[in-house]
Amino acid sequence: MENQEKNGQGQFQIELTPDVALGNYANMAIISHSHAEFVADFIRMLPGMPKAPVVSRILLAPEHAKRLLLALQDNINKYEAQFGRILLPEESSRNDRTATPFGFPQGNA
């Protein structure tokens, strides 16, 4: 297939279709793994909704999961260098914040 062939500079061409380009909003992720793969379920939790749907599931080989981890860390470092440190709710000095969206009780694994 043409999209999978390398171009003259040794890079792959990718195609971003309009429906994929819209993206999916997710405000929660559950990540699990087996010996062969990592599974990342991206979930959209909204107030008043009885169920939180999985909007996307990504399956990754372990080496690709590690590459994703490193790429995210690199991008977070660049983001924080430009815009300032990203503060997580649990790092906040305010006690009225919660790490779970919309004040839902925190689950235990």
PDB file of N, CA and C in Angstrom:
ATOM      1  N   MET A   1       0.836  -1.184   0.000  1.00  0.00           N
ATOM      2  CA  MET A   1       0.000   0.000   0.000  1.00  0.00           C
ATOM      3  C   MET A   1       0.874   1.238   0.000  1.00  0.00           C
ATOM      4  N   GLU A   2       0.412   2.249  -0.686  1.00  0.00           N
ATOM      5  CA  GLU A   2       1.213   3.454  -0.858  1.00  0.00           C
ATOM      6  C   GLU A   2       1.485   4.158   0.464  1.00  0.00           C
ATOM      7  N   ASN A   3       0.500   4.210   1.369  1.00  0.00           N
ATOM      8  CA  ASN A   3       0.680   4.917   2.633  1.00  0.00           C
ATOM      9  C   ASN A   3       1.690   4.228   3.543  1.00  0.00           C
ATOM     10  N   GLN A   4       1.985   2.949   3.285  1.00  0.00           N
ATOM     11  CA  GLN A   4       2.929   2.237   4.119  1.00  0.00           C
ATOM     12  C   GLN A   4       4.334   2.208   3.522  1.00  0.00           C
ATOM     13  N   GLU A   5       4.481   2.649   2.295  1.00  0.00           N
ATOM     14  CA  GLU A   5       5.802   2.666   1.692  1.00  0.00           C
ATOM     15  C   GLU A   5       6.580   3.879   2.173  1.00  0.00           C
ATOM     16  N   LYS A   6       7.889   3.702   2.281  1.00  0.00           N
ATOM     17  CA  LYS A   6       8.731   4.819   2.707  1.00  0.00           C
ATOM     18  C   LYS A   6       8.926   5.782   1.554  1.00  0.00           C
ATOM     19  N   ASN A   7       8.991   7.080   1.902  1.00  0.00           N
ATOM     20  CA  ASN A   7       9.304   8.060   0.863  1.00  0.00           C
ATOM     21  C   ASN A   7      10.822   8.161   0.728  1.00  0.00           C
ATOM     22  N   GLY A   8      11.289   9.030  -0.114  1.00  0.00           N
ATOM     23  CA  GLY A   8      12.712   9.145  -0.412  1.00  0.00           C
ATOM     24  C   GLY A   8      13.576   9.486   0.784  1.00  0.00           C
ATOM     25  N   GLN A   9      13.030  10.125   1.834  1.00  0.00           N
ATOM     26  CA  GLN A   9      13.819  10.510   2.996  1.00  0.00           C
ATOM     27  C   GLN A   9      13.808   9.427   4.080  1.00  0.00           C
ATOM     28  N   GLY A  10      13.263   8.244   3.792  1.00  0.00           N
ATOM     29  CA  GLY A  10      13.252   7.176   4.780  1.00  0.00           C
ATOM     30  C   GLY A  10      12.167   7.325   5.824  1.00  0.00           C
ATOM     31  N   GLN A  11      11.173   8.167   5.588  1.00  0.00           N
ATOM     32  CA  GLN A  11      10.077   8.361   6.533  1.00  0.00           C
ATOM     33  C   GLN A  11       8.793   7.814   5.925  1.00  0.00           C
ATOM     34  N   PHE A  12       7.884   7.401   6.802  1.00  0.00           N
ATOM     35  CA  PHE A  12       6.596   6.904   6.351  1.00  0.00           C
ATOM     36  C   PHE A  12       5.647   8.060   6.111  1.00  0.00           C
ATOM     37  N   GLN A  13       4.798   7.902   5.122  1.00  0.00           N
ATOM     38  CA  GLN A  13       3.713   8.851   4.915  1.00  0.00           C
ATOM     39  C   GLN A  13       2.529   8.354   5.740  1.00  0.00           C
ATOM     40  N   ILE A  14       1.833   9.261   6.391  1.00  0.00           N
ATOM     41  CA  ILE A  14       0.649   8.882   7.146  1.00  0.00           C
ATOM     42  C   ILE A  14      -0.555   9.594   6.565  1.00  0.00           C
ATOM     43  N   GLU A  15      -1.717   9.039   6.816  1.00  0.00           N
ATOM     44  CA  GLU A  15      -2.954   9.645   6.355  1.00  0.00           C
ATOM     45  C   GLU A  15      -3.849   9.882   7.561  1.00  0.00           C
ATOM     46  N   LEU A  16      -4.336  11.089   7.701  1.00  0.00           N
ATOM     47  CA  LEU A  16      -5.254  11.452   8.771  1.00  0.00           C
ATOM     48  C   LEU A  16      -6.603  11.756   8.128  1.00  0.00           C
ATOM     49  N   THR A  17      -7.534  10.819   8.247  1.00  0.00           N
ATOM     50  CA  THR A  17      -8.845  11.003   7.636  1.00  0.00           C
ATOM     51  C   THR A  17      -9.650  12.021   8.438  1.00  0.00           C
ATOM     52  N   PRO A  18     -10.618  12.686   7.825  1.00  0.00           N
ATOM     53  CA  PRO A  18     -11.396  13.710   8.527  1.00  0.00           C
ATOM     54  C   PRO A  18     -12.082  13.203   9.793  1.00  0.00           C
ATOM     55  N   ASP A  19     -12.634  11.990   9.775  1.00  0.00           N
ATOM     56  CA  ASP A  19     -13.321  11.495  10.967  1.00  0.00           C
ATOM     57  C   ASP A  19     -12.347  11.214  12.111  1.00  0.00           C
ATOM     58  N   VAL A  20     -11.147  10.748  11.810  1.00  0.00           N
ATOM     59  CA  VAL A  20     -10.144  10.525  12.844  1.00  0.00           C
ATOM     60  C   VAL A  20      -9.565  11.856  13.311  1.00  0.00           C
ATOM     61  N   ALA A  21      -9.446  12.825  12.417  1.00  0.00           N
ATOM     62  CA  ALA A  21      -8.883  14.130  12.761  1.00  0.00           C
ATOM     63  C   ALA A  21      -9.723  14.860  13.803  1.00  0.00           C
ATOM     64  N   LEU A  22     -11.007  14.563  13.878  1.00  0.00           N
ATOM     65  CA  LEU A  22     -11.864  15.189  14.884  1.00  0.00           C
ATOM     66  C   LEU A  22     -11.467  14.777  16.293  1.00  0.00           C
ATOM     67  N   GLY A  23     -10.931  13.590  16.429  1.00  0.00           N
ATOM     68  CA  GLY A  23     -10.482  13.112  17.729  1.00  0.00           C
ATOM     69  C   GLY A  23     -11.641  12.696  18.618  1.00  0.00           C
ATOM     70  N   ASN A  24     -11.292  12.165  19.786  1.00  0.00           N
ATOM     71  CA  ASN A  24     -12.254  11.780  20.813  1.00  0.00           C
ATOM     72  C   ASN A  24     -11.810  12.400  22.117  1.00  0.00           C
ATOM     73  N   TYR A  25     -12.740  13.038  22.818  1.00  0.00           N
ATOM     74  CA  TYR A  25     -12.430  13.599  24.127  1.00  0.00           C
ATOM     75  C   TYR A  25     -12.477  12.482  25.161  1.00  0.00           C
ATOM     76  N   ALA A  26     -11.441  12.374  25.967  1.00  0.00           N
ATOM     77  CA  ALA A  26     -11.398  11.416  27.067  1.00  0.00           C
ATOM     78  C   ALA A  26     -10.807  12.114  28.279  1.00  0.00           C
ATOM     79  N   ASN A  27     -11.389  11.853  29.450  1.00  0.00           N
ATOM     80  CA  ASN A  27     -10.863  12.451  30.672  1.00  0.00           C
ATOM     81  C   ASN A  27     -10.469  11.390  31.704  1.00  0.00           C
ATOM     82  N   MET A  28     -10.346  10.163  31.220  1.00  0.00           N
ATOM     83  CA  MET A  28      -9.902   9.063  32.082  1.00  0.00           C
ATOM     84  C   MET A  28      -9.287   7.989  31.198  1.00  0.00           C
ATOM     85  N   ALA A  29      -8.304   7.300  31.715  1.00  0.00           N
ATOM     86  CA  ALA A  29      -7.707   6.186  30.986  1.00  0.00           C
ATOM     87  C   ALA A  29      -7.467   5.035  31.954  1.00  0.00           C
ATOM     88  N   ILE A  30      -7.701   3.837  31.462  1.00  0.00           N
ATOM     89  CA  ILE A  30      -7.374   2.626  32.206  1.00  0.00           C
ATOM     90  C   ILE A  30      -6.379   1.854  31.345  1.00  0.00           C
ATOM     91  N   ILE A  31      -5.242   1.538  31.930  1.00  0.00           N
ATOM     92  CA  ILE A  31      -4.196   0.850  31.190  1.00  0.00           C
ATOM     93  C   ILE A  31      -3.925  -0.491  31.866  1.00  0.00           C
ATOM     94  N   SER A  32      -3.933  -1.541  31.068  1.00  0.00           N
ATOM     95  CA  SER A  32      -3.624  -2.877  31.569  1.00  0.00           C
ATOM     96  C   SER A  32      -2.629  -3.520  30.612  1.00  0.00           C
ATOM     97  N   HIS A  33      -2.115  -4.688  31.007  1.00  0.00           N
ATOM     98  CA  HIS A  33      -1.126  -5.337  30.158  1.00  0.00           C
ATOM     99  C   HIS A  33      -1.124  -6.836  30.374  1.00  0.00           C
ATOM    100  N   SER A  34      -0.616  -7.524  29.389  1.00  0.00           N
ATOM    101  CA  SER A  34      -0.295  -8.945  29.474  1.00  0.00           C
ATOM    102  C   SER A  34       1.174  -9.063  29.110  1.00  0.00           C
ATOM    103  N   HIS A  35       1.665 -10.266  28.975  1.00  0.00           N
ATOM    104  CA  HIS A  35       3.075 -10.417  28.597  1.00  0.00           C
ATOM    105  C   HIS A  35       3.324  -9.948  27.166  1.00  0.00           C
ATOM    106  N   ALA A  36       2.260  -9.863  26.348  1.00  0.00           N
ATOM    107  CA  ALA A  36       2.434  -9.578  24.926  1.00  0.00           C
ATOM    108  C   ALA A  36       1.990  -8.193  24.494  1.00  0.00           C
ATOM    109  N   GLU A  37       1.155  -7.517  25.312  1.00  0.00           N
ATOM    110  CA  GLU A  37       0.614  -6.243  24.855  1.00  0.00           C
ATOM    111  C   GLU A  37       0.170  -5.367  26.011  1.00  0.00           C
ATOM    112  N   PHE A  38       0.083  -4.068  25.728  1.00  0.00           N
ATOM    113  CA  PHE A  38      -0.517  -3.094  26.622  1.00  0.00           C
ATOM    114  C   PHE A  38      -1.841  -2.673  25.995  1.00  0.00           C
ATOM    115  N   VAL A  39      -2.849  -2.487  26.835  1.00  0.00           N
ATOM    116  CA  VAL A  39      -4.168  -2.054  26.376  1.00  0.00           C
ATOM    117  C   VAL A  39      -4.493  -0.747  27.102  1.00  0.00           C
ATOM    118  N   ALA A  40      -4.750   0.297  26.328  1.00  0.00           N
ATOM    119  CA  ALA A  40      -5.123   1.596  26.886  1.00  0.00           C
ATOM    120  C   ALA A  40      -6.558   1.902  26.463  1.00  0.00           C
ATOM    121  N   ASP A  41      -7.453   1.933  27.449  1.00  0.00           N
ATOM    122  CA  ASP A  41      -8.845   2.308  27.214  1.00  0.00           C
ATOM    123  C   ASP A  41      -9.019   3.759  27.631  1.00  0.00           C
ATOM    124  N   PHE A  42      -9.468   4.601  26.702  1.00  0.00           N
ATOM    125  CA  PHE A  42      -9.722   6.011  26.967  1.00  0.00           C
ATOM    126  C   PHE A  42     -11.217   6.190  27.148  1.00  0.00           C
ATOM    127  N   ILE A  43     -11.598   6.828  28.257  1.00  0.00           N
ATOM    128  CA  ILE A  43     -12.984   6.877  28.710  1.00  0.00           C
ATOM    129  C   ILE A  43     -13.428   8.324  28.843  1.00  0.00           C
ATOM    130  N   ARG A  44     -14.708   8.561  28.553  1.00  0.00           N
ATOM    131  CA  ARG A  44     -15.301   9.897  28.708  1.00  0.00           C
ATOM    132  C   ARG A  44     -16.317   9.839  29.837  1.00  0.00           C
ATOM    133  N   MET A  45     -15.977  10.482  30.962  1.00  0.00           N
ATOM    134  CA  MET A  45     -16.892  10.580  32.098  1.00  0.00           C
ATOM    135  C   MET A  45     -17.565  11.942  32.067  1.00  0.00           C
ATOM    136  N   LEU A  46     -18.886  11.949  32.099  1.00  0.00           N
ATOM    137  CA  LEU A  46     -19.644  13.196  32.097  1.00  0.00           C
ATOM    138  C   LEU A  46     -20.636  13.199  33.245  1.00  0.00           C
ATOM    139  N   PRO A  47     -20.887  14.360  33.843  1.00  0.00           N
ATOM    140  CA  PRO A  47     -21.826  14.414  34.969  1.00  0.00           C
ATOM    141  C   PRO A  47     -23.230  14.023  34.512  1.00  0.00           C
ATOM    142  N   GLY A  48     -23.920  13.279  35.368  1.00  0.00           N
ATOM    143  CA  GLY A  48     -25.288  12.897  35.075  1.00  0.00           C
ATOM    144  C   GLY A  48     -25.423  11.702  34.148  1.00  0.00           C
ATOM    145  N   MET A  49     -24.332  11.191  33.642  1.00  0.00           N
ATOM    146  CA  MET A  49     -24.395  10.043  32.744  1.00  0.00           C
ATOM    147  C   MET A  49     -24.202   8.766  33.571  1.00  0.00           C
ATOM    148  N   PRO A  50     -25.105   7.794  33.426  1.00  0.00           N
ATOM    149  CA  PRO A  50     -24.998   6.591  34.256  1.00  0.00           C
ATOM    150  C   PRO A  50     -23.830   5.690  33.877  1.00  0.00           C
ATOM    151  N   LYS A  51     -23.361   5.779  32.637  1.00  0.00           N
ATOM    152  CA  LYS A  51     -22.224   4.967  32.192  1.00  0.00           C
ATOM    153  C   LYS A  51     -21.181   5.863  31.551  1.00  0.00           C
ATOM    154  N   ALA A  52     -19.934   5.457  31.695  1.00  0.00           N
ATOM    155  CA  ALA A  52     -18.826   6.183  31.074  1.00  0.00           C
ATOM    156  C   ALA A  52     -18.314   5.335  29.915  1.00  0.00           C
ATOM    157  N   PRO A  53     -18.558   5.759  28.667  1.00  0.00           N
ATOM    158  CA  PRO A  53     -18.158   4.920  27.537  1.00  0.00           C
ATOM    159  C   PRO A  53     -16.659   4.974  27.254  1.00  0.00           C
ATOM    160  N   VAL A  54     -16.143   3.837  26.810  1.00  0.00           N
ATOM    161  CA  VAL A  54     -14.789   3.791  26.265  1.00  0.00           C
ATOM    162  C   VAL A  54     -14.888   4.401  24.874  1.00  0.00           C
ATOM    163  N   VAL A  55     -14.178   5.494  24.638  1.00  0.00           N
ATOM    164  CA  VAL A  55     -14.249   6.166  23.343  1.00  0.00           C
ATOM    165  C   VAL A  55     -13.149   5.702  22.393  1.00  0.00           C
ATOM    166  N   SER A  56     -12.115   5.072  22.958  1.00  0.00           N
ATOM    167  CA  SER A  56     -11.054   4.544  22.106  1.00  0.00           C
ATOM    168  C   SER A  56     -10.264   3.509  22.884  1.00  0.00           C
ATOM    169  N   ARG A  57      -9.861   2.444  22.202  1.00  0.00           N
ATOM    170  CA  ARG A  57      -8.991   1.422  22.793  1.00  0.00           C
ATOM    171  C   ARG A  57      -7.769   1.307  21.894  1.00  0.00           C
ATOM    172  N   ILE A  58      -6.598   1.431  22.496  1.00  0.00           N
ATOM    173  CA  ILE A  58      -5.341   1.331  21.764  1.00  0.00           C
ATOM    174  C   ILE A  58      -4.573   0.129  22.303  1.00  0.00           C
ATOM    175  N   LEU A  59      -4.144  -0.743  21.404  1.00  0.00           N
ATOM    176  CA  LEU A  59      -3.348  -1.914  21.762  1.00  0.00           C
ATOM    177  C   LEU A  59      -1.926  -1.666  21.285  1.00  0.00           C
ATOM    178  N   LEU A  60      -0.952  -1.899  22.173  1.00  0.00           N
ATOM    179  CA  LEU A  60       0.446  -1.630  21.862  1.00  0.00           C
ATOM    180  C   LEU A  60       1.326  -2.802  22.267  1.00  0.00           C
ATOM    181  N   ALA A  61       2.309  -3.093  21.436  1.00  0.00           N
ATOM    182  CA  ALA A  61       3.358  -4.027  21.828  1.00  0.00           C
ATOM    183  C   ALA A  61       4.162  -3.362  22.950  1.00  0.00           C
ATOM    184  N   PRO A  62       4.754  -4.142  23.862  1.00  0.00           N
ATOM    185  CA  PRO A  62       5.499  -3.546  24.982  1.00  0.00           C
ATOM    186  C   PRO A  62       6.541  -2.514  24.550  1.00  0.00           C
ATOM    187  N   GLU A  63       7.295  -2.792  23.486  1.00  0.00           N
ATOM    188  CA  GLU A  63       8.318  -1.817  23.067  1.00  0.00           C
ATOM    189  C   GLU A  63       7.688  -0.526  22.549  1.00  0.00           C
ATOM    190  N   HIS A  64       6.508  -0.619  21.933  1.00  0.00           N
ATOM    191  CA  HIS A  64       5.839   0.595  21.467  1.00  0.00           C
ATOM    192  C   HIS A  64       5.229   1.365  22.637  1.00  0.00           C
ATOM    193  N   ALA A  65       4.775   0.649  23.665  1.00  0.00           N
ATOM    194  CA  ALA A  65       4.269   1.314  24.869  1.00  0.00           C
ATOM    195  C   ALA A  65       5.381   2.124  25.525  1.00  0.00           C
ATOM    196  N   LYS A  66       6.577   1.558  25.564  1.00  0.00           N
ATOM    197  CA  LYS A  66       7.706   2.290  26.159  1.00  0.00           C
ATOM    198  C   LYS A  66       8.086   3.492  25.300  1.00  0.00           C
ATOM    199  N   ARG A  67       8.036   3.330  23.978  1.00  0.00           N
ATOM    200  CA  ARG A  67       8.311   4.473  23.096  1.00  0.00           C
ATOM    201  C   ARG A  67       7.272   5.577  23.310  1.00  0.00           C
ATOM    202  N   LEU A  68       6.014   5.189  23.497  1.00  0.00           N
ATOM    203  CA  LEU A  68       4.971   6.171  23.772  1.00  0.00           C
ATOM    204  C   LEU A  68       5.238   6.890  25.090  1.00  0.00           C
ATOM    205  N   LEU A  69       5.609   6.145  26.118  1.00  0.00           N
ATOM    206  CA  LEU A  69       5.962   6.739  27.409  1.00  0.00           C
ATOM    207  C   LEU A  69       7.060   7.785  27.252  1.00  0.00           C
ATOM    208  N   LEU A  70       8.121   7.434  26.530  1.00  0.00           N
ATOM    209  CA  LEU A  70       9.238   8.361  26.335  1.00  0.00           C
ATOM    210  C   LEU A  70       8.829   9.575  25.507  1.00  0.00           C
ATOM    211  N   ALA A  71       7.995   9.359  24.484  1.00  0.00           N
ATOM    212  CA  ALA A  71       7.538  10.469  23.653  1.00  0.00           C
ATOM    213  C   ALA A  71       6.634  11.403  24.454  1.00  0.00           C
ATOM    214  N   LEU A  72       5.761  10.846  25.291  1.00  0.00           N
ATOM    215  CA  LEU A  72       4.912  11.693  26.140  1.00  0.00           C
ATOM    216  C   LEU A  72       5.754  12.491  27.128  1.00  0.00           C
ATOM    217  N   GLN A  73       6.758  11.845  27.738  1.00  0.00           N
ATOM    218  CA  GLN A  73       7.619  12.556  28.685  1.00  0.00           C
ATOM    219  C   GLN A  73       8.366  13.694  28.011  1.00  0.00           C
ATOM    220  N   ASP A  74       8.864  13.445  26.806  1.00  0.00           N
ATOM    221  CA  ASP A  74       9.559  14.486  26.057  1.00  0.00           C
ATOM    222  C   ASP A  74       8.620  15.656  25.762  1.00  0.00           C
ATOM    223  N   ASN A  75       7.401  15.360  25.354  1.00  0.00           N
ATOM    224  CA  ASN A  75       6.443  16.416  25.041  1.00  0.00           C
ATOM    225  C   ASN A  75       5.979  17.160  26.288  1.00  0.00           C
ATOM    226  N   ILE A  76       5.826  16.457  27.404  1.00  0.00           N
ATOM    227  CA  ILE A  76       5.471  17.131  28.659  1.00  0.00           C
ATOM    228  C   ILE A  76       6.589  18.065  29.078  1.00  0.00           C
ATOM    229  N   ASN A  77       7.833  17.624  28.961  1.00  0.00           N
ATOM    230  CA  ASN A  77       8.975  18.490  29.295  1.00  0.00           C
ATOM    231  C   ASN A  77       8.976  19.741  28.431  1.00  0.00           C
ATOM    232  N   LYS A  78       8.730  19.590  27.136  1.00  0.00           N
ATOM    233  CA  LYS A  78       8.692  20.746  26.232  1.00  0.00           C
ATOM    234  C   LYS A  78       7.518  21.663  26.568  1.00  0.00           C
ATOM    235  N   TYR A  79       6.356  21.081  26.861  1.00  0.00           N
ATOM    236  CA  TYR A  79       5.178  21.871  27.231  1.00  0.00           C
ATOM    237  C   TYR A  79       5.458  22.691  28.487  1.00  0.00           C
ATOM    238  N   GLU A  80       6.005  22.024  29.530  1.00  0.00           N
ATOM    239  CA  GLU A  80       6.264  22.713  30.791  1.00  0.00           C
ATOM    240  C   GLU A  80       7.347  23.780  30.642  1.00  0.00           C
ATOM    241  N   ALA A  81       8.298  23.571  29.765  1.00  0.00           N
ATOM    242  CA  ALA A  81       9.319  24.596  29.511  1.00  0.00           C
ATOM    243  C   ALA A  81       8.686  25.833  28.883  1.00  0.00           C
ATOM    244  N   GLN A  82       7.660  25.637  28.078  1.00  0.00           N
ATOM    245  CA  GLN A  82       7.013  26.762  27.401  1.00  0.00           C
ATOM    246  C   GLN A  82       5.902  27.400  28.227  1.00  0.00           C
ATOM    247  N   PHE A  83       5.094  26.573  28.912  1.00  0.00           N
ATOM    248  CA  PHE A  83       3.884  27.086  29.561  1.00  0.00           C
ATOM    249  C   PHE A  83       3.894  26.998  31.078  1.00  0.00           C
ATOM    250  N   GLY A  84       4.884  26.358  31.670  1.00  0.00           N
ATOM    251  CA  GLY A  84       4.930  26.207  33.120  1.00  0.00           C
ATOM    252  C   GLY A  84       4.516  24.808  33.544  1.00  0.00           C
ATOM    253  N   ARG A  85       4.812  24.516  34.794  1.00  0.00           N
ATOM    254  CA  ARG A  85       4.591  23.179  35.337  1.00  0.00           C
ATOM    255  C   ARG A  85       3.113  22.813  35.332  1.00  0.00           C
ATOM    256  N   ILE A  86       2.811  21.592  34.963  1.00  0.00           N
ATOM    257  CA  ILE A  86       1.461  21.056  35.029  1.00  0.00           C
ATOM    258  C   ILE A  86       1.250  20.554  36.451  1.00  0.00           C
ATOM    259  N   LEU A  87       0.296  21.133  37.153  1.00  0.00           N
ATOM    260  CA  LEU A  87       0.017  20.722  38.522  1.00  0.00           C
ATOM    261  C   LEU A  87      -1.103  19.699  38.528  1.00  0.00           C
ATOM    262  N   LEU A  88      -0.881  18.599  39.220  1.00  0.00           N
ATOM    263  CA  LEU A  88      -1.904  17.586  39.384  1.00  0.00           C
ATOM    264  C   LEU A  88      -2.708  17.899  40.639  1.00  0.00           C
ATOM    265  N   PRO A  89      -3.982  17.532  40.672  1.00  0.00           N
ATOM    266  CA  PRO A  89      -4.812  17.849  41.844  1.00  0.00           C
ATOM    267  C   PRO A  89      -4.215  17.349  43.154  1.00  0.00           C
ATOM    268  N   GLU A  90      -3.610  16.165  43.150  1.00  0.00           N
ATOM    269  CA  GLU A  90      -3.039  15.634  44.390  1.00  0.00           C
ATOM    270  C   GLU A  90      -1.799  16.402  44.840  1.00  0.00           C
ATOM    271  N   GLU A  91      -1.221  17.228  43.976  1.00  0.00           N
ATOM    272  CA  GLU A  91      -0.074  18.051  44.339  1.00  0.00           C
ATOM    273  C   GLU A  91      -0.503  19.416  44.866  1.00  0.00           C
ATOM    274  N   SER A  92      -1.778  19.716  44.737  1.00  0.00           N
ATOM    275  CA  SER A  92      -2.286  21.016  45.146  1.00  0.00           C
ATOM    276  C   SER A  92      -2.314  21.110  46.661  1.00  0.00           C
ATOM    277  N   SER A  93      -2.118  22.308  47.164  1.00  0.00           N
ATOM    278  CA  SER A  93      -2.182  22.524  48.612  1.00  0.00           C
ATOM    279  C   SER A  93      -3.622  22.678  49.077  1.00  0.00           C
ATOM    280  N   ARG A  94      -4.536  22.846  48.133  1.00  0.00           N
ATOM    281  CA  ARG A  94      -5.951  22.978  48.488  1.00  0.00           C
ATOM    282  C   ARG A  94      -6.524  21.604  48.776  1.00  0.00           C
ATOM    283  N   ASN A  95      -7.289  21.468  49.848  1.00  0.00           N
ATOM    284  CA  ASN A  95      -7.872  20.187  50.229  1.00  0.00           C
ATOM    285  C   ASN A  95      -9.246  19.961  49.627  1.00  0.00           C
ATOM    286  N   ASP A  96      -9.810  20.964  48.951  1.00  0.00           N
ATOM    287  CA  ASP A  96     -11.156  20.810  48.413  1.00  0.00           C
ATOM    288  C   ASP A  96     -11.149  20.285  46.991  1.00  0.00           C
ATOM    289  N   ARG A  97      -9.994  19.929  46.471  1.00  0.00           N
ATOM    290  CA  ARG A  97      -9.910  19.383  45.119  1.00  0.00           C
ATOM    291  C   ARG A  97      -9.872  17.876  45.188  1.00  0.00           C
ATOM    292  N   THR A  98     -10.312  17.256  44.137  1.00  0.00           N
ATOM    293  CA  THR A  98     -10.309  15.799  44.066  1.00  0.00           C
ATOM    294  C   THR A  98      -9.599  15.357  42.800  1.00  0.00           C
ATOM    295  N   ALA A  99      -8.991  14.202  42.845  1.00  0.00           N
ATOM    296  CA  ALA A  99      -8.301  13.683  41.671  1.00  0.00           C
ATOM    297  C   ALA A  99      -9.266  13.002  40.720  1.00  0.00           C
ATOM    298  N   THR A 100     -10.475  12.717  41.189  1.00  0.00           N
ATOM    299  CA  THR A 100     -11.459  12.077  40.326  1.00  0.00           C
ATOM    300  C   THR A 100     -12.392  13.140  39.763  1.00  0.00           C
ATOM    301  N   PRO A 101     -12.766  13.017  38.496  1.00  0.00           N
ATOM    302  CA  PRO A 101     -13.609  14.038  37.894  1.00  0.00           C
ATOM    303  C   PRO A 101     -14.994  14.066  38.508  1.00  0.00           C
ATOM    304  N   PHE A 102     -15.565  15.257  38.615  1.00  0.00           N
ATOM    305  CA  PHE A 102     -16.938  15.494  39.050  1.00  0.00           C
ATOM    306  C   PHE A 102     -17.211  15.006  40.468  1.00  0.00           C
ATOM    307  N   GLY A 103     -16.165  14.786  41.275  1.00  0.00           N
ATOM    308  CA  GLY A 103     -16.350  14.414  42.660  1.00  0.00           C
ATOM    309  C   GLY A 103     -16.806  12.978  42.889  1.00  0.00           C
ATOM    310  N   PHE A 104     -16.702  12.111  41.871  1.00  0.00           N
ATOM    311  CA  PHE A 104     -17.056  10.713  42.061  1.00  0.00           C
ATOM    312  C   PHE A 104     -16.096  10.105  43.061  1.00  0.00           C
ATOM    313  N   PRO A 105     -16.558   9.138  43.862  1.00  0.00           N
ATOM    314  CA  PRO A 105     -15.633   8.484  44.782  1.00  0.00           C
ATOM    315  C   PRO A 105     -14.500   7.807  44.021  1.00  0.00           C
ATOM    316  N   GLN A 106     -13.319   7.828  44.619  1.00  0.00           N
ATOM    317  CA  GLN A 106     -12.171   7.208  43.978  1.00  0.00           C
ATOM    318  C   GLN A 106     -12.270   5.701  44.122  1.00  0.00           C
ATOM    319  N   GLY A 107     -12.054   4.971  43.025  1.00  0.00           N
ATOM    320  CA  GLY A 107     -12.103   3.513  43.058  1.00  0.00           C
ATOM    321  C   GLY A 107     -10.826   2.927  43.599  1.00  0.00           C
ATOM    322  N   ASN A 108     -10.914   1.723  44.054  1.00  0.00           N
ATOM    323  CA  ASN A 108      -9.736   1.006  44.550  1.00  0.00           C
ATOM    324  C   ASN A 108      -9.471  -0.179  43.641  1.00  0.00           C
ATOM    325  N   ALA A 109      -8.212  -0.405  43.334  1.00  0.00           N
ATOM    326  CA  ALA A 109      -7.864  -1.537  42.471  1.00  0.00           C
ATOM    327  C   ALA A 109      -7.243  -2.642  43.287  1.00  0.00           C
TER     328      ALA A 109
END
